[in-house]
Amino acid sequence: MTERPRLLRRMVGDRRVAFLAVGAANTAVGFVAFVAADLTVGSIVDAAVNETAGSLATLGCAHVVGVLFAFAMYRRFVFRVRGGVWRDLVRFEGVYLVAIGVNAVALPLLVGLGWPRIPAQLSILTVTVVLSWFGHSHVSFRRSGD
């Protein structure tokens, strides 16, 4: 019985497993933030301006919440760094923007090549998770001793 808790502790202590767990939690938080923003800010902007502006406002709000949540969680539970919060946050957002850029280019390209949207997004997700891992490991939370 004591072997199971040790195994679990080792697994969660593995930075790669923790990265995926935090990513899953961030996905859930980001989706809830998107829904909440859509029901509030998005609806207001839809009525005041138009649905395109409402969609962008919703996406922007969800992005800010998702990035801040992910930053705090990755920083505390995955990379366990201290100091340089603002520098780390700017780098973190930079890595996120690269991943979003890759997604924005690859999704229309794959769909244009005849891939269904969902499998295309799933394949891109695999690539962006790997890019994010390396980006956050070597850019966002890099320390001079690393």
Protein backbone atom coordinates (compact mmCIF):
# COMPACT_ATOMS: atom_id res chain seq x y z
CA MET A 1 0.00 0.00 0.00
CA THR A 2 2.88 2.40 0.60
CA GLU A 3 4.20 1.91 -2.94
CA ARG A 4 1.16 3.59 -4.56
CA PRO A 5 1.58 6.97 -2.79
CA ARG A 6 5.31 6.96 -3.59
CA LEU A 7 4.61 6.25 -7.25
CA LEU A 8 2.00 9.02 -7.38
CA ARG A 9 4.37 11.44 -5.68
CA ARG A 10 7.12 10.59 -8.19
CA MET A 11 4.75 11.00 -11.13
CA VAL A 12 3.47 14.38 -9.96
CA GLY A 13 7.06 15.34 -9.15
CA ASP A 14 7.98 14.69 -12.80
CA ARG A 15 7.94 18.10 -14.44
CA ARG A 16 6.47 16.71 -17.68
CA VAL A 17 3.50 15.12 -15.87
CA ALA A 18 2.95 18.28 -13.84
CA PHE A 19 3.09 20.32 -17.07
CA LEU A 20 0.34 18.21 -18.64
CA ALA A 21 -1.78 18.28 -15.46
CA VAL A 22 -1.53 22.06 -15.20
CA GLY A 23 -2.28 22.31 -18.93
CA ALA A 24 -5.44 20.26 -18.46
CA ALA A 25 -6.52 22.42 -15.52
CA ASN A 26 -5.75 25.55 -17.53
CA THR A 27 -7.84 24.30 -20.43
CA ALA A 28 -10.80 23.86 -18.09
CA VAL A 29 -10.31 27.28 -16.47
CA GLY A 30 -9.87 28.92 -19.88
CA PHE A 31 -13.08 27.36 -21.17
CA VAL A 32 -15.05 28.47 -18.09
CA ALA A 33 -13.56 31.97 -18.48
CA PHE A 34 -14.58 31.96 -22.15
CA VAL A 35 -18.17 31.01 -21.29
CA ALA A 36 -18.34 33.59 -18.48
CA ALA A 37 -16.91 36.33 -20.72
CA ASP A 38 -19.31 35.37 -23.52
CA LEU A 39 -22.31 35.63 -21.22
CA THR A 40 -21.23 39.01 -19.87
CA VAL A 41 -18.77 41.15 -21.83
CA GLY A 42 -19.40 39.36 -25.12
CA SER A 43 -23.14 39.90 -24.91
CA ILE A 44 -22.73 43.56 -24.03
CA VAL A 45 -20.31 44.18 -26.91
CA ASP A 46 -22.53 42.17 -29.29
CA ALA A 47 -25.41 44.54 -28.53
CA ALA A 48 -23.32 47.72 -28.51
CA VAL A 49 -21.11 47.03 -31.55
CA ASN A 50 -21.54 43.69 -33.36
CA GLU A 51 -20.93 39.95 -32.98
CA THR A 52 -17.41 40.08 -34.37
CA ALA A 53 -16.37 42.63 -31.77
CA GLY A 54 -18.22 40.61 -29.11
CA SER A 55 -16.36 37.46 -30.12
CA LEU A 56 -13.01 39.25 -29.97
CA ALA A 57 -13.84 40.80 -26.59
CA THR A 58 -14.84 37.38 -25.27
CA LEU A 59 -11.66 35.81 -26.60
CA GLY A 60 -9.51 38.61 -25.19
CA CYS A 61 -11.00 38.32 -21.71
CA ALA A 62 -10.66 34.54 -21.69
CA HIS A 63 -7.07 34.82 -22.93
CA VAL A 64 -6.09 37.17 -20.09
CA VAL A 65 -7.67 34.93 -17.44
CA GLY A 66 -6.19 31.79 -19.01
CA VAL A 67 -2.68 33.24 -19.30
CA LEU A 68 -2.64 34.57 -15.74
CA PHE A 69 -3.94 31.29 -14.32
CA ALA A 70 -1.52 29.21 -16.39
CA PHE A 71 1.40 31.49 -15.51
CA ALA A 72 0.73 31.21 -11.78
CA MET A 73 0.24 27.44 -11.93
CA TYR A 74 3.23 26.67 -14.18
CA ARG A 75 5.44 28.99 -12.16
CA ARG A 76 4.44 27.49 -8.80
CA PHE A 77 3.79 23.81 -9.51
CA VAL A 78 5.83 22.95 -12.60
CA PHE A 79 8.94 25.13 -12.85
CA ARG A 80 9.07 26.25 -9.19
CA VAL A 81 10.94 29.49 -9.78
CA ARG A 82 11.20 32.66 -7.72
CA GLY A 83 11.88 36.28 -8.58
CA GLY A 84 11.64 38.03 -11.92
CA VAL A 85 7.83 37.78 -12.04
CA TRP A 86 7.27 40.52 -14.64
CA ARG A 87 10.12 39.31 -16.86
CA ASP A 88 8.77 35.76 -16.64
CA LEU A 89 5.22 36.93 -17.42
CA VAL A 90 6.34 38.82 -20.55
CA ARG A 91 8.32 35.79 -21.74
CA PHE A 92 5.40 33.49 -20.90
CA GLU A 93 2.99 35.58 -22.97
CA GLY A 94 5.54 35.56 -25.80
CA VAL A 95 5.58 31.76 -25.80
CA TYR A 96 1.76 31.74 -25.78
CA LEU A 97 1.66 34.14 -28.73
CA VAL A 98 4.02 31.92 -30.72
CA ALA A 99 1.74 28.92 -30.04
CA ILE A 100 -1.34 30.92 -31.04
CA GLY A 101 0.47 32.10 -34.18
CA VAL A 102 1.39 28.54 -35.16
CA ASN A 103 -2.24 27.53 -34.58
CA ALA A 104 -3.59 30.47 -36.59
CA VAL A 105 -1.40 29.56 -39.58
CA ALA A 106 -1.63 25.76 -39.40
CA LEU A 107 -5.39 25.37 -38.84
CA PRO A 108 -6.55 27.12 -42.03
CA LEU A 109 -3.74 25.44 -43.96
CA LEU A 110 -4.72 21.91 -42.84
CA VAL A 111 -8.43 22.59 -43.33
CA GLY A 112 -7.62 23.97 -46.79
CA LEU A 113 -5.80 20.70 -47.54
CA GLY A 114 -9.00 18.81 -46.76
CA TRP A 115 -8.48 17.87 -43.11
CA PRO A 116 -11.60 18.05 -40.94
CA ARG A 117 -11.26 20.91 -38.45
CA ILE A 118 -11.28 18.84 -35.24
CA PRO A 119 -8.55 16.31 -36.24
CA ALA A 120 -6.53 19.22 -37.65
CA GLN A 121 -6.79 21.09 -34.35
CA LEU A 122 -5.88 17.95 -32.41
CA SER A 123 -2.73 17.47 -34.48
CA ILE A 124 -1.80 21.14 -34.01
CA LEU A 125 -2.46 20.86 -30.28
CA THR A 126 0.11 18.08 -30.09
CA VAL A 127 2.70 20.33 -31.76
CA THR A 128 1.85 23.41 -29.68
CA VAL A 129 2.03 21.47 -26.40
CA VAL A 130 5.57 20.36 -27.30
CA LEU A 131 6.49 23.91 -28.41
CA SER A 132 5.04 25.29 -25.18
CA TRP A 133 6.98 22.80 -23.07
CA PHE A 134 10.28 23.84 -24.67
CA GLY A 135 9.33 27.51 -24.73
CA HIS A 136 8.38 27.65 -21.07
CA SER A 137 11.34 25.47 -20.04
CA HIS A 138 13.95 27.42 -22.00
CA VAL A 139 12.45 30.90 -22.27
CA SER A 140 9.64 31.74 -19.83
CA PHE A 141 11.14 30.31 -16.65
CA ARG A 142 14.81 30.08 -17.64
CA ARG A 143 17.29 31.13 -15.00
CA SER A 144 20.91 32.11 -15.55
CA GLY A 145 22.10 28.86 -13.93
CA ASP A 146 20.00 26.70 -16.29
